[in-house]
Structures are given as C-alpha cells and as structure tokens.
Amino acid sequence: MCPHRTLSRSFATLSLSLTSLAAGSLQGRVRILEKNGHAREGLDHCVAILEPVNAPRPKLPTPPPVRIKTVGKRFMPRVAITTPGGEVAFPNMDHILHNVFSVTPGNAFDTGHYQPGESPKARARQPGLVKLYCNVHHMMNAFLWIVETPWAAVLDGRKGVAFENVPAGTYRLRLWHPETGEQSWAVTIGAGATTGEWSLQVNQPLLEMHKNKFGKDYPPEGDGTNY
C-alpha cells in the first residue's frame, strides 16, 4: 500500500492539528465477512477507533453537535460518533410521533413523545457504545459511540482505516459493526505510514431483540397512521 498522506475525514481529525508532534499514520483495508466467508461490498455502519496506550493523548476538541434524524421510521445516520459532553439532537422529519430512548448504563435518557418538526436533545456522558431505540417503533435502532480519542470514524463509503497525524507510540485499534460486535488489535505507529489489514466476522442479527423503555414487550404496531 502506498504511504501517501490523504487528509482523513474522520470525526475528530478535521478539527485537530497535531503538526507540532512527530507523527505517522495508520492505513489499511477492513473487511466484513459474511457467515459464508464472503466479504461485503461496503463498510456501512462500521466504526474504527484508535486509542493511545503508550502514546501522547492529545486534548480533545469541543465536539460539534450531532444530528440523528428520524426519517421513514428509521434513524439517519444509524451510527454516529461524539465525545463526552457532546450534544446529540433527534430532529423528527416524519409526520408521526417518535420517542427516542436509551437504557445504556451511564448514558440512559428518554426524550418522551415528540411531534413532527421537534428536535429534542441529549448529552453524551460516559465513553462507550450507546444503543438507541424508539419506544413507539420496535424496528428502529441506532448506535452512538462516545469516544475519548480524536481518531475515530464511521467507515461508510470507505475501503478501510486512514488515520493521519498520529504521534508515534502504541495504540489499540478497535473495529465494531452492529452485526459483528467489537474486535481490537494492538498497533505500533512510528514515522511514516503503518499499514495493516483487519477483518470482522458477521455473527449477530441485523436487529437485536430488545424491550421498550419500561422493560416490557412492544405492543403490536397498528397501521402507522398516527404513530
């Protein structure tokens, strides 16, 4: 792989300058393998997180607001990234009610029912994976990663990992997808480009079974006219 320097479009490296530090890069292909062993065409909803282990830990920039829209009884985007303290808004672009909630420990919240055009907000608190649901529509789910590193990206539309301006040292590369769960690797980064190739294996359902915000089963959905 050619060690060229292409500016990463990842969540944090857009706004963080590390030019004062001796830095390298991490680049490499990521594959999502189906149960039959065949690789998927794309990396939609796959997340890459690079965390310092024995390396400088840069100060995080103020996170930009995150918007997770509800459109056609779906969350868009389905996967998003922020840092602790970040604001997350849930604009309702449908003509029906929604109620976004999470029961993830340390990041639980409940918007309550809200109308079309409204945009309730929640605050990211503890680092980790936050699972998002709608209390009205069982089939709606999304994921919010709260990270403490500037090197994190949703890999939609990409071939793999491309983190630039990474100070030399030891890191943990975490890769996650809703249908594979998480896997991690230790990587050592020096000057120039550090390259690799990583794979994730599909082993989980497209939609994880879950209860509503009261811990009860969802009632059967009606015709959807009002909800």
Protein backbone atom coordinates (compact mmCIF):
# COMPACT_ATOMS: atom_id res chain seq x y z
CA MET A 1 0.00 0.00 0.00
CA CYS A 2 1.38 3.38 -0.99
CA PRO A 3 2.26 5.52 2.07
CA HIS A 4 0.63 8.65 0.68
CA ARG A 5 -0.82 11.29 3.00
CA THR A 6 -4.52 11.88 2.44
CA LEU A 7 -6.35 14.06 4.96
CA SER A 8 -8.67 11.81 6.97
CA ARG A 9 -12.32 12.81 7.00
CA SER A 10 -12.76 11.20 10.42
CA PHE A 11 -14.85 12.84 13.13
CA ALA A 12 -12.02 14.48 15.00
CA THR A 13 -9.05 14.91 12.72
CA LEU A 14 -11.00 17.50 10.72
CA SER A 15 -10.54 19.98 13.55
CA LEU A 16 -7.45 18.88 15.44
CA SER A 17 -3.93 19.91 14.49
CA LEU A 18 -1.05 17.76 15.69
CA THR A 19 1.59 19.19 13.41
CA SER A 20 3.79 20.09 16.37
CA LEU A 21 4.24 16.41 17.22
CA ALA A 22 6.29 13.82 15.36
CA ALA A 23 3.51 11.90 13.66
CA GLY A 24 2.83 8.99 11.38
CA SER A 25 -0.33 7.40 10.05
CA LEU A 26 -2.34 4.18 10.21
CA GLN A 27 -3.77 2.89 6.97
CA GLY A 28 -5.24 -0.40 5.90
CA ARG A 29 -8.08 -2.39 4.45
CA VAL A 30 -11.04 -3.53 6.55
CA ARG A 31 -13.30 -6.41 5.53
CA ILE A 32 -16.66 -7.53 6.91
CA LEU A 33 -17.04 -11.25 6.29
CA GLU A 34 -20.47 -12.83 5.92
CA LYS A 35 -21.22 -16.15 7.62
CA ASN A 36 -20.28 -17.90 4.36
CA GLY A 37 -16.88 -16.20 4.37
CA HIS A 38 -17.60 -13.79 1.51
CA ALA A 39 -16.64 -10.16 2.05
CA ARG A 40 -19.31 -7.48 1.92
CA GLU A 41 -19.15 -4.83 -0.76
CA GLY A 42 -19.03 -1.93 1.69
CA LEU A 43 -18.30 -0.98 5.28
CA ASP A 44 -21.55 0.82 6.10
CA HIS A 45 -22.08 1.26 9.85
CA CYS A 46 -18.56 0.02 10.66
CA VAL A 47 -16.67 2.09 13.25
CA ALA A 48 -12.88 2.40 13.69
CA ILE A 49 -11.43 3.82 16.91
CA LEU A 50 -7.72 4.32 17.57
CA GLU A 51 -6.89 4.77 21.26
CA PRO A 52 -3.46 5.68 22.71
CA VAL A 53 -1.99 3.04 25.04
CA ASN A 54 1.62 4.16 25.33
CA ALA A 55 1.49 7.33 23.25
CA PRO A 56 0.67 11.03 23.67
CA ARG A 57 -3.03 11.59 24.41
CA PRO A 58 -3.98 14.87 22.72
CA LYS A 59 -6.58 17.22 24.12
CA LEU A 60 -9.95 16.64 22.52
CA PRO A 61 -11.58 19.49 20.61
CA THR A 62 -15.05 20.72 21.50
CA PRO A 63 -17.34 18.22 19.79
CA PRO A 64 -19.64 19.58 17.10
CA PRO A 65 -23.38 18.91 17.62
CA VAL A 66 -24.55 15.55 16.28
CA ARG A 67 -27.89 15.21 14.49
CA ILE A 68 -29.61 11.83 14.27
CA LYS A 69 -32.80 12.34 12.27
CA THR A 70 -35.90 10.15 12.33
CA VAL A 71 -36.97 9.65 8.72
CA GLY A 72 -39.37 6.99 7.44
CA LYS A 73 -39.29 5.20 10.81
CA ARG A 74 -35.50 4.98 10.62
CA PHE A 75 -32.61 6.71 12.31
CA MET A 76 -30.30 8.59 9.95
CA PRO A 77 -27.43 8.12 10.36
CA ARG A 78 -27.72 4.76 12.07
CA VAL A 79 -24.24 5.12 13.60
CA ALA A 80 -22.68 8.34 14.91
CA ILE A 81 -19.66 9.38 16.98
CA THR A 82 -19.11 12.09 19.57
CA THR A 83 -17.02 12.75 22.69
CA PRO A 84 -18.09 13.18 26.34
CA GLY A 85 -20.13 16.34 26.74
CA GLY A 86 -21.27 16.36 23.12
CA GLU A 87 -24.82 17.37 22.28
CA VAL A 88 -26.99 14.98 20.26
CA ALA A 89 -30.23 16.18 18.64
CA PHE A 90 -33.01 13.99 17.24
CA PRO A 91 -34.96 16.02 14.64
CA ASN A 92 -38.29 14.39 13.78
CA MET A 93 -38.57 14.54 9.98
CA ASP A 94 -41.59 12.22 9.89
CA HIS A 95 -45.30 13.07 10.12
CA ILE A 96 -45.70 10.80 13.15
CA LEU A 97 -44.65 10.73 16.80
CA HIS A 98 -41.33 9.33 17.98
CA ASN A 99 -39.78 8.69 21.40
CA VAL A 100 -36.02 8.12 21.41
CA PHE A 101 -34.53 6.47 24.47
CA SER A 102 -31.56 4.50 25.73
CA VAL A 103 -31.13 2.31 28.79
CA THR A 104 -27.35 2.07 28.36
CA PRO A 105 -25.79 2.41 31.84
CA GLY A 106 -24.19 5.83 32.31
CA ASN A 107 -25.91 7.25 29.22
CA ALA A 108 -29.59 6.47 29.75
CA PHE A 109 -32.07 9.12 28.58
CA ASP A 110 -35.65 9.46 27.37
CA THR A 111 -36.92 12.20 25.05
CA GLY A 112 -40.55 11.35 25.69
CA HIS A 113 -43.02 11.53 22.79
CA TYR A 114 -42.27 14.39 20.43
CA GLN A 115 -44.05 15.82 17.44
CA PRO A 116 -43.04 16.21 13.78
CA GLY A 117 -40.63 19.13 13.43
CA GLU A 118 -39.43 18.96 17.04
CA SER A 119 -35.81 18.18 17.88
CA PRO A 120 -35.18 17.04 21.46
CA LYS A 121 -31.58 16.79 22.66
CA ALA A 122 -29.49 14.54 24.87
CA ARG A 123 -25.97 14.93 26.26
CA ALA A 124 -23.20 12.37 25.76
CA ARG A 125 -21.72 11.42 29.11
CA GLN A 126 -19.66 8.29 29.67
CA PRO A 127 -17.41 6.77 26.96
CA GLY A 128 -18.69 3.65 25.26
CA LEU A 129 -21.39 2.35 22.94
CA VAL A 130 -24.88 3.77 23.45
CA LYS A 131 -27.78 1.80 21.96
CA LEU A 132 -30.67 3.97 20.77
CA TYR A 133 -34.26 2.89 20.26
CA CYS A 134 -37.70 4.37 19.63
CA ASN A 135 -40.34 3.50 22.22
CA VAL A 136 -43.05 3.73 19.55
CA HIS A 137 -41.43 1.70 16.77
CA HIS A 138 -39.72 -1.56 17.67
CA MET A 139 -37.76 -1.86 14.41
CA MET A 140 -35.92 1.46 14.89
CA ASN A 141 -32.42 1.21 16.32
CA ALA A 142 -29.23 3.24 16.13
CA PHE A 143 -25.85 3.49 17.84
CA LEU A 144 -23.85 6.35 19.31
CA TRP A 145 -20.17 5.86 20.08
CA ILE A 146 -18.79 8.19 22.77
CA VAL A 147 -15.00 8.18 22.48
CA GLU A 148 -12.03 9.84 24.19
CA THR A 149 -9.74 9.95 21.18
CA PRO A 150 -9.53 12.24 18.14
CA TRP A 151 -9.04 9.22 15.85
CA ALA A 152 -12.47 7.74 15.31
CA ALA A 153 -14.54 7.34 12.15
CA VAL A 154 -17.63 5.70 10.71
CA LEU A 155 -16.28 3.90 7.65
CA ASP A 156 -19.33 4.38 5.38
CA GLY A 157 -18.15 4.76 1.79
CA ARG A 158 -14.54 3.86 2.57
CA LYS A 159 -12.23 0.93 1.96
CA GLY A 160 -10.72 0.88 5.41
CA VAL A 161 -8.82 2.78 8.07
CA ALA A 162 -6.99 6.04 7.28
CA PHE A 163 -5.87 7.96 10.36
CA GLU A 164 -3.35 10.75 9.82
CA ASN A 165 -1.16 12.84 12.14
CA VAL A 166 -0.83 10.08 14.75
CA PRO A 167 2.08 10.55 17.19
CA ALA A 168 4.49 7.62 17.46
CA GLY A 169 3.59 5.06 20.11
CA THR A 170 1.43 2.05 20.91
CA TYR A 171 -2.31 2.12 20.25
CA ARG A 172 -5.37 -0.08 20.39
CA LEU A 173 -7.35 -0.27 17.15
CA ARG A 174 -10.99 -1.09 17.84
CA LEU A 175 -13.30 -2.11 14.99
CA TRP A 176 -17.03 -2.57 15.50
CA HIS A 177 -20.12 -3.28 13.44
CA PRO A 178 -23.71 -3.93 14.62
CA GLU A 179 -23.61 -7.44 13.13
CA THR A 180 -20.10 -8.41 14.26
CA GLY A 181 -19.58 -6.79 17.63
CA GLU A 182 -16.16 -5.43 18.52
CA GLN A 183 -12.66 -6.71 17.94
CA SER A 184 -9.39 -4.96 18.82
CA TRP A 185 -5.72 -5.12 17.84
CA ALA A 186 -2.53 -3.62 19.26
CA VAL A 187 -0.67 -1.49 16.72
CA THR A 188 2.64 0.33 16.95
CA ILE A 189 2.90 3.54 14.94
CA GLY A 190 6.14 5.23 14.00
CA ALA A 191 7.16 7.80 11.42
CA GLY A 192 5.60 7.34 8.00
CA ALA A 193 2.73 5.01 7.26
CA THR A 194 1.90 1.96 9.36
CA THR A 195 -0.24 -0.42 7.32
CA GLY A 196 -2.36 -3.45 8.04
CA GLU A 197 -5.46 -5.44 7.13
CA TRP A 198 -8.27 -6.36 9.51
CA SER A 199 -11.44 -8.45 9.27
CA LEU A 200 -14.69 -8.71 11.20
CA GLN A 201 -16.99 -11.75 11.10
CA VAL A 202 -20.78 -11.41 10.95
CA ASN A 203 -22.24 -13.34 13.88
CA GLN A 204 -25.13 -11.24 15.17
CA PRO A 205 -28.66 -10.45 13.86
CA LEU A 206 -29.42 -7.28 11.93
CA LEU A 207 -31.77 -6.13 14.71
CA GLU A 208 -31.05 -7.03 18.31
CA MET A 209 -34.15 -8.05 20.24
CA HIS A 210 -34.99 -5.51 22.93
CA LYS A 211 -37.72 -4.29 25.27
CA ASN A 212 -39.34 -0.88 25.35
CA LYS A 213 -38.25 1.82 27.82
CA PHE A 214 -40.41 0.26 30.53
CA GLY A 215 -38.73 -3.13 30.14
CA LYS A 216 -41.86 -4.56 28.54
CA ASP A 217 -42.54 -6.18 25.17
CA TYR A 218 -43.62 -3.81 22.42
CA PRO A 219 -47.34 -3.97 21.58
CA PRO A 220 -48.25 -4.92 18.00
CA GLU A 221 -47.92 -1.92 15.69
CA GLY A 222 -51.09 -0.58 14.14
CA ASP A 223 -51.36 0.81 10.65
CA GLY A 224 -48.84 3.56 11.48
CA THR A 225 -51.23 6.39 10.60
CA ASN A 226 -50.66 8.31 13.82
CA TYR A 227 -47.57 6.63 15.24
